[in-house]
Amino acid sequence: MALHGTPSDLLQNLDPIALIVFIPLAGSGRHYVYNSSAKSIHVWIQAPAYVLVALSEAFVIVTVIVTGLELAYTQAPTNVRSVLSSLSWLTIGVAAAISISLNPVLQDLHLVWP
């Protein structure tokens, strides 16, 4: 790839750089929500968090599901393809079941451990 003046190690370090930038932003947002009265905070202040979660889910779907299914159909023997595909979808189903089962627990705004 053409670097066009970009240091070659910058892309490897984008994850820690993004964490250094976004963790304090998320922490000050949480501080604002917890230290304000419930009626003074507009519900749309939570929108960026949900958009970022959706974006991360899209990346997971593309990297895990599509890559896993592509490998199952291109690299696996013909008689094993359906088994590998079903295992891929099973892991996704288990993750969704865990998420659905934990959803009622996460209703309390003062829980910080999840």
PDB file of N, CA and C in Angstrom:
ATOM      1  N   MET A   1       0.834  -1.181   0.000  1.00  0.00           N
ATOM      2  CA  MET A   1       0.000   0.000   0.000  1.00  0.00           C
ATOM      3  C   MET A   1       0.877   1.243   0.000  1.00  0.00           C
ATOM      4  N   ALA A   2       0.371   2.274  -0.586  1.00  0.00           N
ATOM      5  CA  ALA A   2       1.102   3.536  -0.620  1.00  0.00           C
ATOM      6  C   ALA A   2       0.898   4.272   0.698  1.00  0.00           C
ATOM      7  N   LEU A   3       1.978   4.697   1.314  1.00  0.00           N
ATOM      8  CA  LEU A   3       1.904   5.354   2.625  1.00  0.00           C
ATOM      9  C   LEU A   3       1.575   6.838   2.531  1.00  0.00           C
ATOM     10  N   HIS A   4       2.010   7.495   1.482  1.00  0.00           N
ATOM     11  CA  HIS A   4       1.774   8.933   1.290  1.00  0.00           C
ATOM     12  C   HIS A   4       2.190   9.751   2.520  1.00  0.00           C
ATOM     13  N   GLY A   5       3.329   9.423   3.088  1.00  0.00           N
ATOM     14  CA  GLY A   5       3.853  10.175   4.221  1.00  0.00           C
ATOM     15  C   GLY A   5       3.378   9.693   5.580  1.00  0.00           C
ATOM     16  N   THR A   6       2.477   8.712   5.625  1.00  0.00           N
ATOM     17  CA  THR A   6       1.982   8.180   6.889  1.00  0.00           C
ATOM     18  C   THR A   6       3.015   7.219   7.474  1.00  0.00           C
ATOM     19  N   PRO A   7       3.350   7.357   8.751  1.00  0.00           N
ATOM     20  CA  PRO A   7       4.286   6.394   9.351  1.00  0.00           C
ATOM     21  C   PRO A   7       3.701   4.979   9.296  1.00  0.00           C
ATOM     22  N   SER A   8       4.534   4.007   9.027  1.00  0.00           N
ATOM     23  CA  SER A   8       4.055   2.638   8.828  1.00  0.00           C
ATOM     24  C   SER A   8       3.487   2.022  10.101  1.00  0.00           C
ATOM     25  N   ASP A   9       3.883   2.492  11.261  1.00  0.00           N
ATOM     26  CA  ASP A   9       3.379   1.910  12.503  1.00  0.00           C
ATOM     27  C   ASP A   9       2.154   2.642  13.060  1.00  0.00           C
ATOM     28  N   LEU A  10       1.661   3.663  12.387  1.00  0.00           N
ATOM     29  CA  LEU A  10       0.517   4.418  12.891  1.00  0.00           C
ATOM     30  C   LEU A  10      -0.751   3.576  12.918  1.00  0.00           C
ATOM     31  N   LEU A  11      -1.007   2.802  11.880  1.00  0.00           N
ATOM     32  CA  LEU A  11      -2.233   2.008  11.830  1.00  0.00           C
ATOM     33  C   LEU A  11      -2.286   0.980  12.949  1.00  0.00           C
ATOM     34  N   GLN A  12      -1.159   0.414  13.310  1.00  0.00           N
ATOM     35  CA  GLN A  12      -1.129  -0.553  14.408  1.00  0.00           C
ATOM     36  C   GLN A  12      -1.436   0.112  15.740  1.00  0.00           C
ATOM     37  N   ASN A  13      -1.162   1.392  15.838  1.00  0.00           N
ATOM     38  CA  ASN A  13      -1.358   2.102  17.091  1.00  0.00           C
ATOM     39  C   ASN A  13      -2.656   2.903  17.138  1.00  0.00           C
ATOM     40  N   LEU A  14      -3.501   2.809  16.134  1.00  0.00           N
ATOM     41  CA  LEU A  14      -4.762   3.546  16.152  1.00  0.00           C
ATOM     42  C   LEU A  14      -5.691   3.062  17.263  1.00  0.00           C
ATOM     43  N   ASP A  15      -5.672   1.768  17.563  1.00  0.00           N
ATOM     44  CA  ASP A  15      -6.524   1.248  18.635  1.00  0.00           C
ATOM     45  C   ASP A  15      -6.171   1.868  19.983  1.00  0.00           C
ATOM     46  N   PRO A  16      -4.905   1.824  20.431  1.00  0.00           N
ATOM     47  CA  PRO A  16      -4.604   2.457  21.717  1.00  0.00           C
ATOM     48  C   PRO A  16      -4.808   3.971  21.699  1.00  0.00           C
ATOM     49  N   ILE A  17      -4.556   4.608  20.564  1.00  0.00           N
ATOM     50  CA  ILE A  17      -4.779   6.058  20.482  1.00  0.00           C
ATOM     51  C   ILE A  17      -6.267   6.367  20.626  1.00  0.00           C
ATOM     52  N   ALA A  18      -7.113   5.595  19.952  1.00  0.00           N
ATOM     53  CA  ALA A  18      -8.560   5.796  20.064  1.00  0.00           C
ATOM     54  C   ALA A  18      -9.036   5.536  21.491  1.00  0.00           C
ATOM     55  N   LEU A  19      -8.475   4.539  22.154  1.00  0.00           N
ATOM     56  CA  LEU A  19      -8.849   4.266  23.547  1.00  0.00           C
ATOM     57  C   LEU A  19      -8.456   5.429  24.457  1.00  0.00           C
ATOM     58  N   ILE A  20      -7.285   5.982  24.230  1.00  0.00           N
ATOM     59  CA  ILE A  20      -6.838   7.115  25.048  1.00  0.00           C
ATOM     60  C   ILE A  20      -7.766   8.312  24.856  1.00  0.00           C
ATOM     61  N   VAL A  21      -8.293   8.484  23.661  1.00  0.00           N
ATOM     62  CA  VAL A  21      -9.183   9.611  23.388  1.00  0.00           C
ATOM     63  C   VAL A  21     -10.600   9.342  23.894  1.00  0.00           C
ATOM     64  N   PHE A  22     -11.145   8.145  23.628  1.00  0.00           N
ATOM     65  CA  PHE A  22     -12.559   7.895  23.900  1.00  0.00           C
ATOM     66  C   PHE A  22     -12.877   7.505  25.333  1.00  0.00           C
ATOM     67  N   ILE A  23     -11.949   6.889  26.062  1.00  0.00           N
ATOM     68  CA  ILE A  23     -12.248   6.497  27.451  1.00  0.00           C
ATOM     69  C   ILE A  23     -12.517   7.718  28.325  1.00  0.00           C
ATOM     70  N   PRO A  24     -11.709   8.766  28.279  1.00  0.00           N
ATOM     71  CA  PRO A  24     -12.060   9.943  29.094  1.00  0.00           C
ATOM     72  C   PRO A  24     -13.374  10.594  28.648  1.00  0.00           C
ATOM     73  N   LEU A  25     -13.663  10.583  27.348  1.00  0.00           N
ATOM     74  CA  LEU A  25     -14.927  11.148  26.888  1.00  0.00           C
ATOM     75  C   LEU A  25     -16.112  10.350  27.432  1.00  0.00           C
ATOM     76  N   ALA A  26     -16.010   9.037  27.389  1.00  0.00           N
ATOM     77  CA  ALA A  26     -17.090   8.202  27.913  1.00  0.00           C
ATOM     78  C   ALA A  26     -17.200   8.356  29.427  1.00  0.00           C
ATOM     79  N   GLY A  27     -16.075   8.486  30.108  1.00  0.00           N
ATOM     80  CA  GLY A  27     -16.090   8.667  31.564  1.00  0.00           C
ATOM     81  C   GLY A  27     -16.709   9.993  31.978  1.00  0.00           C
ATOM     82  N   SER A  28     -16.384  11.097  31.258  1.00  0.00           N
ATOM     83  CA  SER A  28     -16.995  12.380  31.622  1.00  0.00           C
ATOM     84  C   SER A  28     -18.467  12.394  31.292  1.00  0.00           C
ATOM     85  N   GLY A  29     -18.896  11.659  30.219  1.00  0.00           N
ATOM     86  CA  GLY A  29     -20.325  11.537  29.906  1.00  0.00           C
ATOM     87  C   GLY A  29     -21.064  10.766  30.976  1.00  0.00           C
ATOM     88  N   ARG A  30     -20.471   9.700  31.467  1.00  0.00           N
ATOM     89  CA  ARG A  30     -21.083   8.911  32.539  1.00  0.00           C
ATOM     90  C   ARG A  30     -21.175   9.744  33.809  1.00  0.00           C
ATOM     91  N   HIS A  31     -20.141  10.516  34.082  1.00  0.00           N
ATOM     92  CA  HIS A  31     -20.139  11.391  35.255  1.00  0.00           C
ATOM     93  C   HIS A  31     -21.282  12.396  35.163  1.00  0.00           C
ATOM     94  N   TYR A  32     -21.504  12.946  33.975  1.00  0.00           N
ATOM     95  CA  TYR A  32     -22.585  13.913  33.763  1.00  0.00           C
ATOM     96  C   TYR A  32     -23.949  13.263  34.005  1.00  0.00           C
ATOM     97  N   VAL A  33     -24.128  12.055  33.509  1.00  0.00           N
ATOM     98  CA  VAL A  33     -25.414  11.370  33.664  1.00  0.00           C
ATOM     99  C   VAL A  33     -25.672  11.016  35.121  1.00  0.00           C
ATOM    100  N   TYR A  34     -24.685  10.494  35.817  1.00  0.00           N
ATOM    101  CA  TYR A  34     -24.893  10.051  37.194  1.00  0.00           C
ATOM    102  C   TYR A  34     -25.015  11.201  38.181  1.00  0.00           C
ATOM    103  N   ASN A  35     -24.448  12.360  37.876  1.00  0.00           N
ATOM    104  CA  ASN A  35     -24.489  13.476  38.808  1.00  0.00           C
ATOM    105  C   ASN A  35     -25.567  14.506  38.484  1.00  0.00           C
ATOM    106  N   SER A  36     -26.427  14.216  37.542  1.00  0.00           N
ATOM    107  CA  SER A  36     -27.526  15.113  37.205  1.00  0.00           C
ATOM    108  C   SER A  36     -28.845  14.455  37.601  1.00  0.00           C
ATOM    109  N   SER A  37     -29.857  15.285  37.788  1.00  0.00           N
ATOM    110  CA  SER A  37     -31.167  14.698  38.069  1.00  0.00           C
ATOM    111  C   SER A  37     -31.706  14.064  36.797  1.00  0.00           C
ATOM    112  N   ALA A  38     -32.536  13.049  36.953  1.00  0.00           N
ATOM    113  CA  ALA A  38     -33.015  12.276  35.809  1.00  0.00           C
ATOM    114  C   ALA A  38     -33.836  13.123  34.846  1.00  0.00           C
ATOM    115  N   LYS A  39     -34.529  14.120  35.333  1.00  0.00           N
ATOM    116  CA  LYS A  39     -35.384  14.920  34.457  1.00  0.00           C
ATOM    117  C   LYS A  39     -34.617  16.011  33.719  1.00  0.00           C
ATOM    118  N   SER A  40     -33.381  16.288  34.109  1.00  0.00           N
ATOM    119  CA  SER A  40     -32.624  17.348  33.443  1.00  0.00           C
ATOM    120  C   SER A  40     -31.797  16.842  32.265  1.00  0.00           C
ATOM    121  N   ILE A  41     -31.717  15.539  32.084  1.00  0.00           N
ATOM    122  CA  ILE A  41     -30.909  14.957  31.009  1.00  0.00           C
ATOM    123  C   ILE A  41     -31.831  14.530  29.876  1.00  0.00           C
ATOM    124  N   HIS A  42     -31.524  14.967  28.681  1.00  0.00           N
ATOM    125  CA  HIS A  42     -32.317  14.576  27.521  1.00  0.00           C
ATOM    126  C   HIS A  42     -31.945  13.154  27.118  1.00  0.00           C
ATOM    127  N   VAL A  43     -32.912  12.396  26.696  1.00  0.00           N
ATOM    128  CA  VAL A  43     -32.692  10.999  26.360  1.00  0.00           C
ATOM    129  C   VAL A  43     -31.737  10.832  25.175  1.00  0.00           C
ATOM    130  N   TRP A  44     -31.659  11.829  24.291  1.00  0.00           N
ATOM    131  CA  TRP A  44     -30.811  11.722  23.108  1.00  0.00           C
ATOM    132  C   TRP A  44     -29.322  11.810  23.414  1.00  0.00           C
ATOM    133  N   ILE A  45     -28.966  12.099  24.664  1.00  0.00           N
ATOM    134  CA  ILE A  45     -27.544  12.125  25.008  1.00  0.00           C
ATOM    135  C   ILE A  45     -26.932  10.726  24.899  1.00  0.00           C
ATOM    136  N   GLN A  46     -27.790   9.699  24.939  1.00  0.00           N
ATOM    137  CA  GLN A  46     -27.321   8.319  24.836  1.00  0.00           C
ATOM    138  C   GLN A  46     -27.153   7.858  23.392  1.00  0.00           C
ATOM    139  N   ALA A  47     -27.631   8.611  22.435  1.00  0.00           N
ATOM    140  CA  ALA A  47     -27.622   8.183  21.038  1.00  0.00           C
ATOM    141  C   ALA A  47     -26.226   7.834  20.512  1.00  0.00           C
ATOM    142  N   PRO A  48     -25.187   8.631  20.778  1.00  0.00           N
ATOM    143  CA  PRO A  48     -23.864   8.252  20.242  1.00  0.00           C
ATOM    144  C   PRO A  48     -23.382   6.894  20.738  1.00  0.00           C
ATOM    145  N   ALA A  49     -23.692   6.551  21.976  1.00  0.00           N
ATOM    146  CA  ALA A  49     -23.275   5.248  22.486  1.00  0.00           C
ATOM    147  C   ALA A  49     -23.943   4.114  21.713  1.00  0.00           C
ATOM    148  N   TYR A  50     -25.226   4.251  21.425  1.00  0.00           N
ATOM    149  CA  TYR A  50     -25.927   3.214  20.682  1.00  0.00           C
ATOM    150  C   TYR A  50     -25.467   3.139  19.234  1.00  0.00           C
ATOM    151  N   VAL A  51     -25.137   4.268  18.654  1.00  0.00           N
ATOM    152  CA  VAL A  51     -24.628   4.270  17.282  1.00  0.00           C
ATOM    153  C   VAL A  51     -23.264   3.574  17.229  1.00  0.00           C
ATOM    154  N   LEU A  52     -22.411   3.836  18.209  1.00  0.00           N
ATOM    155  CA  LEU A  52     -21.106   3.177  18.238  1.00  0.00           C
ATOM    156  C   LEU A  52     -21.237   1.676  18.477  1.00  0.00           C
ATOM    157  N   VAL A  53     -22.197   1.274  19.302  1.00  0.00           N
ATOM    158  CA  VAL A  53     -22.443  -0.160  19.510  1.00  0.00           C
ATOM    159  C   VAL A  53     -22.890  -0.809  18.208  1.00  0.00           C
ATOM    160  N   ALA A  54     -23.781  -0.150  17.487  1.00  0.00           N
ATOM    161  CA  ALA A  54     -24.238  -0.692  16.198  1.00  0.00           C
ATOM    162  C   ALA A  54     -23.078  -0.782  15.209  1.00  0.00           C
ATOM    163  N   LEU A  55     -22.222   0.209  15.206  1.00  0.00           N
ATOM    164  CA  LEU A  55     -21.058   0.184  14.320  1.00  0.00           C
ATOM    165  C   LEU A  55     -20.127  -0.973  14.668  1.00  0.00           C
ATOM    166  N   SER A  56     -19.905  -1.189  15.958  1.00  0.00           N
ATOM    167  CA  SER A  56     -19.047  -2.304  16.356  1.00  0.00           C
ATOM    168  C   SER A  56     -19.684  -3.646  16.012  1.00  0.00           C
ATOM    169  N   GLU A  57     -21.013  -3.750  16.147  1.00  0.00           N
ATOM    170  CA  GLU A  57     -21.695  -4.976  15.757  1.00  0.00           C
ATOM    171  C   GLU A  57     -21.572  -5.221  14.252  1.00  0.00           C
ATOM    172  N   ALA A  58     -21.627  -4.161  13.477  1.00  0.00           N
ATOM    173  CA  ALA A  58     -21.464  -4.314  12.031  1.00  0.00           C
ATOM    174  C   ALA A  58     -20.076  -4.839  11.703  1.00  0.00           C
ATOM    175  N   PHE A  59     -19.064  -4.343  12.397  1.00  0.00           N
ATOM    176  CA  PHE A  59     -17.713  -4.843  12.167  1.00  0.00           C
ATOM    177  C   PHE A  59     -17.588  -6.306  12.580  1.00  0.00           C
ATOM    178  N   VAL A  60     -18.231  -6.673  13.681  1.00  0.00           N
ATOM    179  CA  VAL A  60     -18.188  -8.069  14.125  1.00  0.00           C
ATOM    180  C   VAL A  60     -18.881  -8.963  13.110  1.00  0.00           C
ATOM    181  N   ILE A  61     -20.034  -8.524  12.620  1.00  0.00           N
ATOM    182  CA  ILE A  61     -20.760  -9.334  11.644  1.00  0.00           C
ATOM    183  C   ILE A  61     -19.916  -9.541  10.393  1.00  0.00           C
ATOM    184  N   VAL A  62     -19.303  -8.471   9.925  1.00  0.00           N
ATOM    185  CA  VAL A  62     -18.501  -8.593   8.710  1.00  0.00           C
ATOM    186  C   VAL A  62     -17.290  -9.479   8.938  1.00  0.00           C
ATOM    187  N   THR A  63     -16.591  -9.282  10.054  1.00  0.00           N
ATOM    188  CA  THR A  63     -15.357 -10.033  10.256  1.00  0.00           C
ATOM    189  C   THR A  63     -15.589 -11.470  10.684  1.00  0.00           C
ATOM    190  N   VAL A  64     -16.540 -11.688  11.570  1.00  0.00           N
ATOM    191  CA  VAL A  64     -16.720 -13.039  12.105  1.00  0.00           C
ATOM    192  C   VAL A  64     -17.652 -13.873  11.233  1.00  0.00           C
ATOM    193  N   ILE A  65     -18.834 -13.359  11.009  1.00  0.00           N
ATOM    194  CA  ILE A  65     -19.827 -14.163  10.310  1.00  0.00           C
ATOM    195  C   ILE A  65     -19.448 -14.362   8.850  1.00  0.00           C
ATOM    196  N   VAL A  66     -19.205 -13.281   8.162  1.00  0.00           N
ATOM    197  CA  VAL A  66     -18.924 -13.398   6.732  1.00  0.00           C
ATOM    198  C   VAL A  66     -17.629 -14.156   6.497  1.00  0.00           C
ATOM    199  N   THR A  67     -16.604 -13.853   7.285  1.00  0.00           N
ATOM    200  CA  THR A  67     -15.334 -14.557   7.109  1.00  0.00           C
ATOM    201  C   THR A  67     -15.467 -16.022   7.456  1.00  0.00           C
ATOM    202  N   GLY A  68     -16.182 -16.318   8.546  1.00  0.00           N
ATOM    203  CA  GLY A  68     -16.376 -17.718   8.928  1.00  0.00           C
ATOM    204  C   GLY A  68     -17.149 -18.502   7.888  1.00  0.00           C
ATOM    205  N   LEU A  69     -18.216 -17.909   7.378  1.00  0.00           N
ATOM    206  CA  LEU A  69     -18.994 -18.602   6.350  1.00  0.00           C
ATOM    207  C   LEU A  69     -18.230 -18.717   5.036  1.00  0.00           C
ATOM    208  N   GLU A  70     -17.439 -17.697   4.726  1.00  0.00           N
ATOM    209  CA  GLU A  70     -16.634 -17.773   3.512  1.00  0.00           C
ATOM    210  C   GLU A  70     -15.604 -18.894   3.609  1.00  0.00           C
ATOM    211  N   LEU A  71     -14.966 -18.994   4.765  1.00  0.00           N
ATOM    212  CA  LEU A  71     -14.000 -20.083   4.950  1.00  0.00           C
ATOM    213  C   LEU A  71     -14.691 -21.441   4.909  1.00  0.00           C
ATOM    214  N   ALA A  72     -15.903 -21.521   5.491  1.00  0.00           N
ATOM    215  CA  ALA A  72     -16.625 -22.793   5.483  1.00  0.00           C
ATOM    216  C   ALA A  72     -16.952 -23.238   4.062  1.00  0.00           C
ATOM    217  N   TYR A  73     -17.255 -22.307   3.190  1.00  0.00           N
ATOM    218  CA  TYR A  73     -17.638 -22.677   1.830  1.00  0.00           C
ATOM    219  C   TYR A  73     -16.473 -22.743   0.857  1.00  0.00           C
ATOM    220  N   THR A  74     -15.365 -22.087   1.151  1.00  0.00           N
ATOM    221  CA  THR A  74     -14.264 -22.112   0.189  1.00  0.00           C
ATOM    222  C   THR A  74     -13.133 -23.057   0.578  1.00  0.00           C
ATOM    223  N   GLN A  75     -12.910 -23.255   1.863  1.00  0.00           N
ATOM    224  CA  GLN A  75     -11.761 -24.042   2.297  1.00  0.00           C
ATOM    225  C   GLN A  75     -12.123 -25.430   2.823  1.00  0.00           C
ATOM    226  N   ALA A  76     -13.344 -25.616   3.280  1.00  0.00           N
ATOM    227  CA  ALA A  76     -13.726 -26.893   3.886  1.00  0.00           C
ATOM    228  C   ALA A  76     -14.125 -27.900   2.809  1.00  0.00           C
ATOM    229  N   PRO A  77     -13.957 -29.173   3.128  1.00  0.00           N
ATOM    230  CA  PRO A  77     -14.451 -30.198   2.200  1.00  0.00           C
ATOM    231  C   PRO A  77     -15.975 -30.113   2.058  1.00  0.00           C
ATOM    232  N   THR A  78     -16.479 -30.609   0.978  1.00  0.00           N
ATOM    233  CA  THR A  78     -17.902 -30.483   0.661  1.00  0.00           C
ATOM    234  C   THR A  78     -18.793 -31.092   1.732  1.00  0.00           C
ATOM    235  N   ASN A  79     -18.404 -32.225   2.305  1.00  0.00           N
ATOM    236  CA  ASN A  79     -19.265 -32.898   3.270  1.00  0.00           C
ATOM    237  C   ASN A  79     -19.229 -32.255   4.662  1.00  0.00           C
ATOM    238  N   VAL A  80     -18.377 -31.266   4.882  1.00  0.00           N
ATOM    239  CA  VAL A  80     -18.267 -30.628   6.205  1.00  0.00           C
ATOM    240  C   VAL A  80     -18.790 -29.192   6.189  1.00  0.00           C
ATOM    241  N   ARG A  81     -19.089 -28.661   5.042  1.00  0.00           N
ATOM    242  CA  ARG A  81     -19.480 -27.251   4.922  1.00  0.00           C
ATOM    243  C   ARG A  81     -20.714 -26.917   5.739  1.00  0.00           C
ATOM    244  N   SER A  82     -21.723 -27.751   5.700  1.00  0.00           N
ATOM    245  CA  SER A  82     -22.942 -27.453   6.450  1.00  0.00           C
ATOM    246  C   SER A  82     -22.703 -27.518   7.947  1.00  0.00           C
ATOM    247  N   VAL A  83     -21.850 -28.425   8.392  1.00  0.00           N
ATOM    248  CA  VAL A  83     -21.541 -28.524   9.829  1.00  0.00           C
ATOM    249  C   VAL A  83     -20.808 -27.266  10.290  1.00  0.00           C
ATOM    250  N   LEU A  84     -19.831 -26.811   9.520  1.00  0.00           N
ATOM    251  CA  LEU A  84     -19.100 -25.605   9.884  1.00  0.00           C
ATOM    252  C   LEU A  84     -19.994 -24.372   9.862  1.00  0.00           C
ATOM    253  N   SER A  85     -20.881 -24.300   8.897  1.00  0.00           N
ATOM    254  CA  SER A  85     -21.819 -23.173   8.841  1.00  0.00           C
ATOM    255  C   SER A  85     -22.737 -23.184  10.052  1.00  0.00           C
ATOM    256  N   SER A  86     -23.247 -24.349  10.397  1.00  0.00           N
ATOM    257  CA  SER A  86     -24.149 -24.422  11.547  1.00  0.00           C
ATOM    258  C   SER A  86     -23.420 -24.109  12.841  1.00  0.00           C
ATOM    259  N   LEU A  87     -22.169 -24.495  12.966  1.00  0.00           N
ATOM    260  CA  LEU A  87     -21.402 -24.141  14.167  1.00  0.00           C
ATOM    261  C   LEU A  87     -21.178 -22.637  14.250  1.00  0.00           C
ATOM    262  N   SER A  88     -20.942 -22.017  13.121  1.00  0.00           N
ATOM    263  CA  SER A  88     -20.784 -20.565  13.100  1.00  0.00           C
ATOM    264  C   SER A  88     -22.064 -19.880  13.553  1.00  0.00           C
ATOM    265  N   TRP A  89     -23.201 -20.321  13.020  1.00  0.00           N
ATOM    266  CA  TRP A  89     -24.479 -19.725  13.428  1.00  0.00           C
ATOM    267  C   TRP A  89     -24.836 -20.082  14.865  1.00  0.00           C
ATOM    268  N   LEU A  90     -24.403 -21.258  15.351  1.00  0.00           N
ATOM    269  CA  LEU A  90     -24.664 -21.636  16.742  1.00  0.00           C
ATOM    270  C   LEU A  90     -23.959 -20.698  17.710  1.00  0.00           C
ATOM    271  N   THR A  91     -22.715 -20.354  17.420  1.00  0.00           N
ATOM    272  CA  THR A  91     -22.002 -19.426  18.305  1.00  0.00           C
ATOM    273  C   THR A  91     -22.671 -18.059  18.321  1.00  0.00           C
ATOM    274  N   ILE A  92     -23.170 -17.638  17.184  1.00  0.00           N
ATOM    275  CA  ILE A  92     -23.887 -16.354  17.122  1.00  0.00           C
ATOM    276  C   ILE A  92     -25.180 -16.435  17.925  1.00  0.00           C
ATOM    277  N   GLY A  93     -25.883 -17.565  17.832  1.00  0.00           N
ATOM    278  CA  GLY A  93     -27.116 -17.757  18.595  1.00  0.00           C
ATOM    279  C   GLY A  93     -26.874 -17.791  20.091  1.00  0.00           C
ATOM    280  N   VAL A  94     -25.799 -18.431  20.517  1.00  0.00           N
ATOM    281  CA  VAL A  94     -25.465 -18.464  21.947  1.00  0.00           C
ATOM    282  C   VAL A  94     -25.143 -17.059  22.448  1.00  0.00           C
ATOM    283  N   ALA A  95     -24.396 -16.303  21.668  1.00  0.00           N
ATOM    284  CA  ALA A  95     -24.084 -14.925  22.057  1.00  0.00           C
ATOM    285  C   ALA A  95     -25.348 -14.082  22.155  1.00  0.00           C
ATOM    286  N   ALA A  96     -26.273 -14.265  21.226  1.00  0.00           N
ATOM    287  CA  ALA A  96     -27.537 -13.524  21.272  1.00  0.00           C
ATOM    288  C   ALA A  96     -28.366 -13.946  22.478  1.00  0.00           C
ATOM    289  N   ALA A  97     -28.375 -15.227  22.814  1.00  0.00           N
ATOM    290  CA  ALA A  97     -29.128 -15.704  23.979  1.00  0.00           C
ATOM    291  C   ALA A  97     -28.550 -15.134  25.275  1.00  0.00           C
ATOM    292  N   ILE A  98     -27.234 -15.059  25.370  1.00  0.00           N
ATOM    293  CA  ILE A  98     -26.608 -14.458  26.559  1.00  0.00           C
ATOM    294  C   ILE A  98     -26.976 -12.990  26.649  1.00  0.00           C
ATOM    295  N   SER A  99     -26.937 -12.310  25.535  1.00  0.00           N
ATOM    296  CA  SER A  99     -27.293 -10.892  25.518  1.00  0.00           C
ATOM    297  C   SER A  99     -28.746 -10.680  25.924  1.00  0.00           C
ATOM    298  N   ILE A 100     -29.651 -11.497  25.415  1.00  0.00           N
ATOM    299  CA  ILE A 100     -31.062 -11.375  25.764  1.00  0.00           C
ATOM    300  C   ILE A 100     -31.289 -11.703  27.233  1.00  0.00           C
ATOM    301  N   SER A 101     -30.592 -12.702  27.753  1.00  0.00           N
ATOM    302  CA  SER A 101     -30.793 -13.078  29.157  1.00  0.00           C
ATOM    303  C   SER A 101     -30.232 -12.037  30.118  1.00  0.00           C
ATOM    304  N   LEU A 102     -29.198 -11.302  29.712  1.00  0.00           N
ATOM    305  CA  LEU A 102     -28.622 -10.278  30.588  1.00  0.00           C
ATOM    306  C   LEU A 102     -29.314  -8.928  30.463  1.00  0.00           C
ATOM    307  N   ASN A 103     -30.142  -8.756  29.467  1.00  0.00           N
ATOM    308  CA  ASN A 103     -30.787  -7.473  29.244  1.00  0.00           C
ATOM    309  C   ASN A 103     -31.632  -6.995  30.427  1.00  0.00           C
ATOM    310  N   PRO A 104     -32.436  -7.833  31.086  1.00  0.00           N
ATOM    311  CA  PRO A 104     -33.194  -7.338  32.245  1.00  0.00           C
ATOM    312  C   PRO A 104     -32.304  -6.891  33.407  1.00  0.00           C
ATOM    313  N   VAL A 105     -31.137  -7.479  33.529  1.00  0.00           N
ATOM    314  CA  VAL A 105     -30.229  -7.113  34.616  1.00  0.00           C
ATOM    315  C   VAL A 105     -29.669  -5.721  34.409  1.00  0.00           C
ATOM    316  N   LEU A 106     -29.537  -5.301  33.184  1.00  0.00           N
ATOM    317  CA  LEU A 106     -28.883  -4.043  32.862  1.00  0.00           C
ATOM    318  C   LEU A 106     -29.814  -2.835  32.912  1.00  0.00           C
ATOM    319  N   GLN A 107     -30.990  -2.978  33.494  1.00  0.00           N
ATOM    320  CA  GLN A 107     -31.937  -1.869  33.559  1.00  0.00           C
ATOM    321  C   GLN A 107     -31.566  -0.839  34.620  1.00  0.00           C
ATOM    322  N   ASP A 108     -30.806  -1.235  35.646  1.00  0.00           N
ATOM    323  CA  ASP A 108     -30.417  -0.328  36.704  1.00  0.00           C
ATOM    324  C   ASP A 108     -29.282   0.562  36.215  1.00  0.00           C
ATOM    325  N   LEU A 109     -29.491   1.889  36.217  1.00  0.00           N
ATOM    326  CA  LEU A 109     -28.482   2.820  35.716  1.00  0.00           C
ATOM    327  C   LEU A 109     -27.257   2.910  36.606  1.00  0.00           C
ATOM    328  N   HIS A 110     -27.362   2.474  37.854  1.00  0.00           N
ATOM    329  CA  HIS A 110     -26.232   2.606  38.774  1.00  0.00           C
ATOM    330  C   HIS A 110     -25.314   1.396  38.757  1.00  0.00           C
ATOM    331  N   LEU A 111     -25.614   0.400  37.924  1.00  0.00           N
ATOM    332  CA  LEU A 111     -24.709  -0.722  37.786  1.00  0.00           C
ATOM    333  C   LEU A 111     -23.589  -0.345  36.829  1.00  0.00           C
ATOM    334  N   VAL A 112     -22.375  -0.380  37.312  1.00  0.00           N
ATOM    335  CA  VAL A 112     -21.245  -0.011  36.457  1.00  0.00           C
ATOM    336  C   VAL A 112     -20.438  -1.215  36.045  1.00  0.00           C
ATOM    337  N   TRP A 113     -20.686  -2.390  36.608  1.00  0.00           N
ATOM    338  CA  TRP A 113     -19.873  -3.545  36.284  1.00  0.00           C
ATOM    339  C   TRP A 113     -20.131  -4.140  34.910  1.00  0.00           C
ATOM    340  N   PRO A 114     -21.327  -4.008  34.278  1.00  0.00           N
ATOM    341  CA  PRO A 114     -21.492  -4.661  32.977  1.00  0.00           C
ATOM    342  C   PRO A 114     -20.615  -4.006  31.926  1.00  0.00           C
TER     343      PRO A 114
END
